[in-house]
Amino acid sequence: MSKLSYPRNNDVKKAVLKAVTQGLAPYPQELYEEVVKILEEDGYCCMHLNVRRVWRAYEELIKEGRMNDWYGVVKNPRRSSQ
């Protein structure tokens, strides 16, 4: 049996994007569990993945402009162009 790898930040972002855009996590409380489920299906070990890291990935996706704030939790959605 081979050892599973840990998800990188990019993998977490892809899972967050998939969970939110496909409606797998209709409520903010369900986002973490859905992201873990997606990553485990993709063959990652998620025992060290915490809620804070998932929400940081969510916030970064919004600030990068790759996703809308579906849950309305990010205060400043766009970075200033300065």
Protein backbone atom coordinates (compact mmCIF):
# COMPACT_ATOMS: atom_id res chain seq x y z
CA MET A 1 0.00 0.00 0.00
CA SER A 2 1.47 3.35 -1.02
CA LYS A 3 1.44 6.41 1.18
CA LEU A 4 -1.09 9.09 0.24
CA SER A 5 0.23 12.59 -0.41
CA TYR A 6 -0.98 15.71 1.35
CA PRO A 7 -2.90 18.27 -0.72
CA ARG A 8 -1.04 21.38 -1.78
CA ASN A 9 -2.68 24.80 -1.61
CA ASN A 10 -3.47 24.60 -5.32
CA ASP A 11 -5.26 21.28 -4.77
CA VAL A 12 -7.29 22.77 -1.93
CA LYS A 13 -8.26 25.73 -4.14
CA LYS A 14 -9.42 23.40 -6.92
CA ALA A 15 -11.52 21.42 -4.43
CA VAL A 16 -13.05 24.61 -2.99
CA LEU A 17 -13.88 25.84 -6.48
CA LYS A 18 -15.48 22.51 -7.37
CA ALA A 19 -17.50 22.33 -4.13
CA VAL A 20 -18.86 25.86 -4.45
CA THR A 21 -19.54 26.05 -8.19
CA GLN A 22 -21.15 22.62 -8.44
CA GLY A 23 -23.41 23.31 -5.46
CA LEU A 24 -21.95 20.53 -3.33
CA ALA A 25 -21.76 22.86 -0.32
CA PRO A 26 -24.88 25.04 -0.36
CA TYR A 27 -24.14 26.35 3.16
CA PRO A 28 -20.85 27.71 4.54
CA GLN A 29 -20.92 25.15 7.36
CA GLU A 30 -20.69 22.33 4.81
CA LEU A 31 -17.72 23.66 2.82
CA TYR A 32 -14.96 22.03 4.87
CA GLU A 33 -16.54 18.56 4.83
CA GLU A 34 -17.17 18.71 1.08
CA VAL A 35 -13.60 19.85 0.34
CA VAL A 36 -12.21 16.99 2.44
CA LYS A 37 -14.50 14.53 0.64
CA ILE A 38 -13.40 15.78 -2.79
CA LEU A 39 -9.71 15.63 -1.90
CA GLU A 40 -9.98 12.14 -0.41
CA GLU A 41 -11.75 10.94 -3.58
CA ASP A 42 -8.79 12.35 -5.52
CA GLY A 43 -6.41 10.29 -3.39
CA TYR A 44 -5.09 12.82 -0.87
CA CYS A 45 -4.53 12.36 2.86
CA CYS A 46 -6.50 15.11 4.61
CA MET A 47 -5.70 14.40 8.26
CA HIS A 48 -3.74 17.66 8.58
CA LEU A 49 -6.17 19.80 6.56
CA ASN A 50 -7.99 22.22 8.83
CA VAL A 51 -10.96 24.57 8.46
CA ARG A 52 -8.76 27.67 8.46
CA ARG A 53 -6.76 26.45 5.45
CA VAL A 54 -9.94 25.73 3.46
CA TRP A 55 -11.36 29.18 4.20
CA ARG A 56 -8.03 30.84 3.38
CA ALA A 57 -8.14 29.10 -0.02
CA TYR A 58 -11.74 30.31 -0.48
CA GLU A 59 -10.71 33.90 0.31
CA GLU A 60 -7.68 33.76 -1.99
CA LEU A 61 -9.83 32.52 -4.89
CA ILE A 62 -12.14 35.50 -4.43
CA LYS A 63 -9.30 38.01 -4.15
CA GLU A 64 -7.66 36.54 -7.27
CA GLY A 65 -10.95 37.08 -9.12
CA ARG A 66 -11.35 33.37 -9.97
CA MET A 67 -14.63 33.01 -8.05
CA ASN A 68 -17.50 35.11 -6.69
CA ASP A 69 -18.16 35.30 -2.96
CA TRP A 70 -21.06 32.84 -2.87
CA TYR A 71 -21.42 32.97 0.91
CA GLY A 72 -20.88 36.72 1.37
CA VAL A 73 -18.14 36.31 3.98
CA VAL A 74 -15.21 38.23 2.46
CA LYS A 75 -15.09 41.90 3.45
CA ASN A 76 -12.87 43.27 0.63
CA PRO A 77 -13.43 41.00 -2.37
CA ARG A 78 -10.98 42.71 -4.75
CA ARG A 79 -7.41 43.78 -4.15
CA SER A 80 -6.67 47.40 -4.85
CA SER A 81 -4.72 48.10 -8.02
CA GLN A 82 -2.10 50.21 -6.21
